[in-house]
Protein backbone atom coordinates (compact mmCIF):
# COMPACT_ATOMS: atom_id res chain seq x y z
CA MET A 1 -5.69 -19.30 -1.65
CA TYR A 2 -4.57 -18.40 1.90
CA HIS A 3 -1.43 -20.75 2.00
CA TYR A 4 1.08 -20.12 5.00
CA GLY A 5 2.98 -23.46 5.68
CA ARG A 6 0.73 -26.59 5.13
CA GLY A 7 -2.45 -24.84 6.47
CA LEU A 8 -5.58 -27.05 7.26
CA GLU A 9 -6.38 -29.88 5.01
CA GLY A 10 -9.64 -30.15 2.86
CA PHE A 11 -10.42 -25.83 4.65
CA VAL A 12 -11.52 -23.62 1.88
CA PRO A 13 -11.75 -20.37 2.89
CA ASN A 14 -15.14 -18.32 2.29
CA PRO A 15 -14.43 -15.77 -0.08
CA TRP A 16 -17.33 -13.37 1.27
CA THR A 17 -15.83 -13.95 4.96
CA MET A 18 -12.30 -13.36 3.90
CA GLY A 19 -12.81 -11.04 1.30
CA PRO A 20 -13.65 -7.85 3.14
CA LEU A 21 -11.11 -8.94 5.85
CA VAL A 22 -8.25 -8.90 3.57
CA VAL A 23 -9.35 -5.49 2.41
CA ALA A 24 -9.74 -3.87 5.56
CA ASP A 25 -6.30 -5.38 6.13
CA GLY A 26 -4.55 -3.41 3.08
CA VAL A 27 -6.67 -0.39 4.50
CA LEU A 28 -4.83 -0.95 7.77
CA TRP A 29 -1.29 -1.68 6.44
CA VAL A 30 -1.76 1.95 4.46
CA TRP A 31 -2.53 3.07 8.13
CA ALA A 32 0.18 1.74 10.26
CA LEU A 33 3.00 2.03 7.60
CA ASN A 34 2.20 5.80 7.22
CA VAL A 35 1.61 6.51 10.94
CA THR A 36 4.46 5.05 11.94
CA ARG A 37 6.70 6.88 9.49
CA ILE A 38 5.19 10.42 10.64
CA SER A 39 5.42 9.40 14.33
CA VAL A 40 9.27 8.80 13.30
CA ALA A 41 9.23 12.11 11.81
CA LEU A 42 7.96 13.59 14.92
CA LEU A 43 10.63 12.37 16.74
CA LEU A 44 13.30 13.14 14.90
CA LEU A 45 11.89 17.00 15.00
CA ARG A 46 12.82 16.78 18.64
CA LEU A 47 16.67 16.50 17.54
CA LYS A 48 17.20 19.52 16.05
CA ASP A 49 16.12 23.20 16.15
CA SER A 50 17.44 24.17 12.68
CA LEU A 51 15.10 26.05 10.07
CA PRO A 52 16.50 23.30 7.29
CA TRP A 53 15.90 20.34 9.51
CA ARG A 54 12.35 21.64 10.91
CA VAL A 55 11.26 22.23 6.89
CA THR A 56 12.75 18.94 5.42
CA LEU A 57 10.65 16.73 8.37
CA TRP A 58 7.74 19.14 8.31
CA GLY A 59 7.46 18.24 4.24
CA ILE A 60 8.35 14.41 4.91
CA ILE A 61 5.08 14.57 7.16
CA ALA A 62 3.11 16.27 4.74
CA VAL A 63 3.79 14.20 1.97
CA GLN A 64 3.01 11.00 4.35
CA ALA A 65 -0.25 12.27 5.01
CA CYS A 66 -0.94 12.66 1.63
CA MET A 67 0.27 9.43 0.82
CA LEU A 68 -2.03 8.13 3.51
CA VAL A 69 -5.30 9.88 1.88
CA VAL A 70 -4.01 8.56 -1.36
CA GLY A 71 -3.05 4.93 -0.05
CA THR A 72 -6.81 4.76 1.49
CA THR A 73 -8.70 5.75 -1.08
CA MET A 74 -6.94 3.25 -3.78
CA HIS A 75 -7.68 0.51 -1.63
CA LEU A 76 -11.49 1.86 -1.38
CA VAL A 77 -12.02 2.33 -4.85
CA MET A 78 -9.94 0.38 -6.33
CA CYS A 79 -13.08 -1.53 -7.57
CA ARG A 80 -16.61 -0.32 -8.02
CA PRO A 81 -18.72 -2.04 -5.58
CA ILE A 82 -16.04 -2.74 -3.46
CA SER A 83 -17.56 -6.30 -3.20
CA ALA A 84 -15.90 -7.04 -6.48
CA ARG A 85 -12.62 -7.48 -5.20
CA TRP A 86 -13.35 -11.07 -3.78
CA ALA A 87 -16.61 -11.95 -5.20
CA PRO A 88 -17.13 -12.13 -9.12
CA THR A 89 -19.70 -9.36 -9.86
CA PRO A 90 -20.03 -8.80 -13.57
CA THR A 91 -21.03 -5.41 -13.91
CA ALA A 92 -18.46 -5.07 -11.80
CA THR A 93 -15.66 -1.43 -12.81
CA CYS A 94 -11.98 -1.92 -11.85
CA ILE A 95 -8.67 -0.10 -12.25
CA PRO A 96 -7.01 -2.13 -14.35
CA PRO A 97 -4.07 -4.02 -12.89
CA PRO A 98 -0.97 -2.71 -14.58
CA ASN A 99 -2.53 0.72 -13.64
CA PHE A 100 -2.69 -0.72 -10.13
CA MET A 101 0.70 -1.99 -9.74
CA ALA A 102 2.24 1.23 -11.18
CA TYR A 103 0.72 3.08 -7.89
CA GLY A 104 2.07 0.17 -5.61
CA TYR A 105 5.77 0.88 -6.96
CA VAL A 106 5.27 4.86 -6.74
CA TYR A 107 3.71 4.56 -3.56
CA SER A 108 6.58 1.89 -1.99
CA GLY A 109 9.02 3.91 -3.68
CA LYS A 110 10.58 0.92 -5.92
CA LEU A 111 11.01 0.96 -9.27
CA PRO A 112 9.20 -1.79 -11.97
CA PRO A 113 11.65 -4.82 -12.30
CA ARG A 114 11.46 -3.92 -16.28
CA LEU A 115 13.38 -0.93 -15.67
CA THR A 116 15.48 -2.07 -12.80
CA ARG A 117 16.59 -4.71 -15.08
CA SER A 118 17.41 -1.85 -17.74
CA LEU A 119 19.93 0.31 -15.42
CA PRO A 120 23.80 0.12 -16.21
CA GLY A 121 25.59 -1.74 -13.14
CA PRO A 122 26.72 -5.05 -11.43
CA ARG A 123 24.48 -8.40 -12.51
CA CYS A 124 24.15 -10.80 -9.59
């Protein structure tokens, strides 16, 4: 399940130990990404003092703050109960994978592969 390099032979991580850590890692990733973007925008605010520059950067900061709230919420409410993300739970209700993938594409600003392949342009 978690393989980087060769790994430890015969070692299988316990999902009850690793599962909550993976969920927490996802939430921390969202926070790190957005706080970094916000801090860069705050840094750029000091470069210029024109109104369009400030309005644009404060707009970017507002969007990043909203993305922070939405990203944290999505990671925490993906499955109810939250333990269903790492252990089989018969009564769990989870967001369908295509919906969560759509959220991921929108959040990261990437286009889905199906749409990307249909766009005109050079083929590699």
